[in-house]
C-alpha atoms as a PDB file:
ATOM      1  CA  UNK A   1      33.740 123.684  79.369  1.00  0.00           C
ATOM      2  CA  UNK A   2      35.489 125.994  76.326  1.00  0.00           C
ATOM      3  CA  UNK A   3      37.576 122.091  75.526  1.00  0.00           C
ATOM      4  CA  UNK A   4      34.351 120.797  75.798  1.00  0.00           C
ATOM      5  CA  UNK A   5      32.197 122.722  73.005  1.00  0.00           C
ATOM      6  CA  UNK A   6      35.614 122.845  70.674  1.00  0.00           C
ATOM      7  CA  UNK A   7      35.720 118.886  71.013  1.00  0.00           C
ATOM      8  CA  UNK A   8      31.629 119.382  69.929  1.00  0.00           C
ATOM      9  CA  UNK A   9      32.391 121.238  67.703  1.00  0.00           C
ATOM     10  CA  UNK A  10      34.548 119.931  65.914  1.00  0.00           C
ATOM     11  CA  UNK A  11      33.173 116.420  65.974  1.00  0.00           C
ATOM     12  CA  UNK A  12      29.924 117.510  64.682  1.00  0.00           C
ATOM     13  CA  UNK A  13      32.211 119.344  61.770  1.00  0.00           C
ATOM     14  CA  UNK A  14      33.472 115.958  61.360  1.00  0.00           C
ATOM     15  CA  UNK A  15      30.391 113.858  60.992  1.00  0.00           C
ATOM     16  CA  UNK A  16      29.459 116.564  58.268  1.00  0.00           C
ATOM     17  CA  UNK A  17      31.688 116.330  56.459  1.00  0.00           C
ATOM     18  CA  UNK A  18      31.672 112.396  56.149  1.00  0.00           C
ATOM     19  CA  UNK A  19      27.874 112.246  55.360  1.00  0.00           C
ATOM     20  CA  UNK A  20      28.876 115.466  52.490  1.00  0.00           C
ATOM     21  CA  UNK A  21      32.248 112.851  51.144  1.00  0.00           C
ATOM     22  CA  UNK A  22      29.509 109.883  51.783  1.00  0.00           C
ATOM     23  CA  UNK A  23      27.109 111.550  49.680  1.00  0.00           C
ATOM     24  CA  UNK A  24      29.546 112.907  46.732  1.00  0.00           C
ATOM     25  CA  UNK A  25      30.848 108.871  46.703  1.00  0.00           C
ATOM     26  CA  UNK A  26      27.254 108.219  46.026  1.00  0.00           C
ATOM     27  CA  UNK A  27      26.253 110.267  42.919  1.00  0.00           C
ATOM     28  CA  UNK A  28      29.975 109.513  41.934  1.00  0.00           C
ATOM     29  CA  UNK A  29      28.506 105.808  41.282  1.00  0.00           C
ATOM     30  CA  UNK A  30      25.511 106.618  40.281  1.00  0.00           C
ATOM     31  CA  UNK A  31      26.605 108.863  37.823  1.00  0.00           C
ATOM     32  CA  UNK A  32      29.243 106.347  36.615  1.00  0.00           C
ATOM     33  CA  UNK A  33      25.994 103.874  36.179  1.00  0.00           C
ATOM     34  CA  UNK A  34      24.359 106.288  34.164  1.00  0.00           C
ATOM     35  CA  UNK A  35      26.926 107.023  31.918  1.00  0.00           C
ATOM     36  CA  UNK A  36      27.247 103.437  31.041  1.00  0.00           C
ATOM     37  CA  UNK A  37      23.207 103.035  30.434  1.00  0.00           C
ATOM     38  CA  UNK A  38      22.847 106.332  28.627  1.00  0.00           C
ATOM     39  CA  UNK A  39      25.683 107.155  26.332  1.00  0.00           C
ATOM     40  CA  UNK A  40      23.853 109.689  24.527  1.00  0.00           C
ATOM     41  CA  UNK A  41      23.827 112.191  27.716  1.00  0.00           C
ATOM     42  CA  UNK A  42      27.508 111.489  28.264  1.00  0.00           C
ATOM     43  CA  UNK A  43      28.639 115.532  28.087  1.00  0.00           C
ATOM     44  CA  UNK A  44      26.201 116.863  30.938  1.00  0.00           C
ATOM     45  CA  UNK A  45      27.042 113.376  32.491  1.00  0.00           C
ATOM     46  CA  UNK A  46      30.946 113.750  32.400  1.00  0.00           C
ATOM     47  CA  UNK A  47      30.541 117.777  33.276  1.00  0.00           C
ATOM     48  CA  UNK A  48      29.306 116.329  36.789  1.00  0.00           C
ATOM     49  CA  UNK A  49      31.576 113.578  37.240  1.00  0.00           C
ATOM     50  CA  UNK A  50      34.349 116.414  37.044  1.00  0.00           C
ATOM     51  CA  UNK A  51      32.324 118.353  39.237  1.00  0.00           C
ATOM     52  CA  UNK A  52      32.134 115.341  42.247  1.00  0.00           C
ATOM     53  CA  UNK A  53      35.099 114.044  41.573  1.00  0.00           C
ATOM     54  CA  UNK A  54      36.427 117.985  42.436  1.00  0.00           C
ATOM     55  CA  UNK A  55      33.918 117.896  45.576  1.00  0.00           C
ATOM     56  CA  UNK A  56      35.443 115.056  46.600  1.00  0.00           C
ATOM     57  CA  UNK A  57      38.864 115.412  46.220  1.00  0.00           C
ATOM     58  CA  UNK A  58      38.557 118.769  48.705  1.00  0.00           C
ATOM     59  CA  UNK A  59      36.444 116.976  50.868  1.00  0.00           C
ATOM     60  CA  UNK A  60      39.058 114.011  51.473  1.00  0.00           C
ATOM     61  CA  UNK A  61      41.800 117.185  51.811  1.00  0.00           C
ATOM     62  CA  UNK A  62      39.597 119.201  54.424  1.00  0.00           C
ATOM     63  CA  UNK A  63      39.239 115.495  56.340  1.00  0.00           C
ATOM     64  CA  UNK A  64      42.372 115.188  56.407  1.00  0.00           C
ATOM     65  CA  UNK A  65      43.374 118.664  57.783  1.00  0.00           C
ATOM     66  CA  UNK A  66      40.784 117.663  61.109  1.00  0.00           C
ATOM     67  CA  UNK A  67      41.846 114.020  61.524  1.00  0.00           C
ATOM     68  CA  UNK A  68      45.020 112.942  60.297  1.00  0.00           C
ATOM     69  CA  UNK A  69      44.115 109.812  61.208  1.00  0.00           C
ATOM     70  CA  UNK A  70      40.983 109.133  59.187  1.00  0.00           C
ATOM     71  CA  UNK A  71      40.871 106.172  57.324  1.00  0.00           C
ATOM     72  CA  UNK A  72      38.606 108.122  54.251  1.00  0.00           C
ATOM     73  CA  UNK A  73      38.213 104.639  52.480  1.00  0.00           C
ATOM     74  CA  UNK A  74      36.045 103.548  55.124  1.00  0.00           C
ATOM     75  CA  UNK A  75      33.366 105.577  54.284  1.00  0.00           C
ATOM     76  CA  UNK A  76      30.804 104.298  52.119  1.00  0.00           C
ATOM     77  CA  UNK A  77      28.583 104.990  49.173  1.00  0.00           C
ATOM     78  CA  UNK A  78      25.671 106.712  50.608  1.00  0.00           C
ATOM     79  CA  UNK A  79      22.074 107.548  49.063  1.00  0.00           C
ATOM     80  CA  UNK A  80      21.717 110.790  50.787  1.00  0.00           C
ATOM     81  CA  UNK A  81      21.789 112.610  47.329  1.00  0.00           C
ATOM     82  CA  UNK A  82      18.434 111.793  46.283  1.00  0.00           C
ATOM     83  CA  UNK A  83      16.383 113.149  48.662  1.00  0.00           C
ATOM     84  CA  UNK A  84      16.552 116.130  46.132  1.00  0.00           C
ATOM     85  CA  UNK A  85      14.944 114.547  43.072  1.00  0.00           C
ATOM     86  CA  UNK A  86      12.206 112.798  45.815  1.00  0.00           C
ATOM     87  CA  UNK A  87      11.098 110.194  43.547  1.00  0.00           C
ATOM     88  CA  UNK A  88       9.837 106.831  44.312  1.00  0.00           C
ATOM     89  CA  UNK A  89      11.884 104.687  41.241  1.00  0.00           C
ATOM     90  CA  UNK A  90      14.935 104.639  39.659  1.00  0.00           C
ATOM     91  CA  UNK A  91      13.616 105.355  36.449  1.00  0.00           C
ATOM     92  CA  UNK A  92      12.344 108.533  37.517  1.00  0.00           C
ATOM     93  CA  UNK A  93      15.372 109.148  39.424  1.00  0.00           C
ATOM     94  CA  UNK A  94      17.172 108.682  36.492  1.00  0.00           C
ATOM     95  CA  UNK A  95      15.063 110.963  34.290  1.00  0.00           C
ATOM     96  CA  UNK A  96      15.289 114.050  36.731  1.00  0.00           C
ATOM     97  CA  UNK A  97      18.770 113.492  37.520  1.00  0.00           C
ATOM     98  CA  UNK A  98      19.109 113.964  34.254  1.00  0.00           C
ATOM     99  CA  UNK A  99      17.187 116.717  33.683  1.00  0.00           C
ATOM    100  CA  UNK A 100      18.748 118.528  36.298  1.00  0.00           C
ATOM    101  CA  UNK A 101      22.158 117.795  34.814  1.00  0.00           C
ATOM    102  CA  UNK A 102      21.160 118.980  31.259  1.00  0.00           C
ATOM    103  CA  UNK A 103      21.502 115.975  29.276  1.00  0.00           C
ATOM    104  CA  UNK A 104      18.483 114.142  27.457  1.00  0.00           C
END
């Protein structure tokens, strides 16, 4: 019984970490697109990019501790991070994202 519970907890933790990594990758890609599209907001976007890169590195290190054989390159960029902004269009997303990041 204890083995099953431990395995279930480990799998749940791995799943949540991979989902978080996917969202961080997606947001990093979005920040890179915004850096090109909105150069006037580069200051706040660059600080957000550094934060996301640090989170990415920490998540990768944590996942490697859980499972040495995990291939982190297989984790694709997700869009779950966009749910916080509750928008329907990319224009609205950019506006709210920049406002939250302290940009223009």
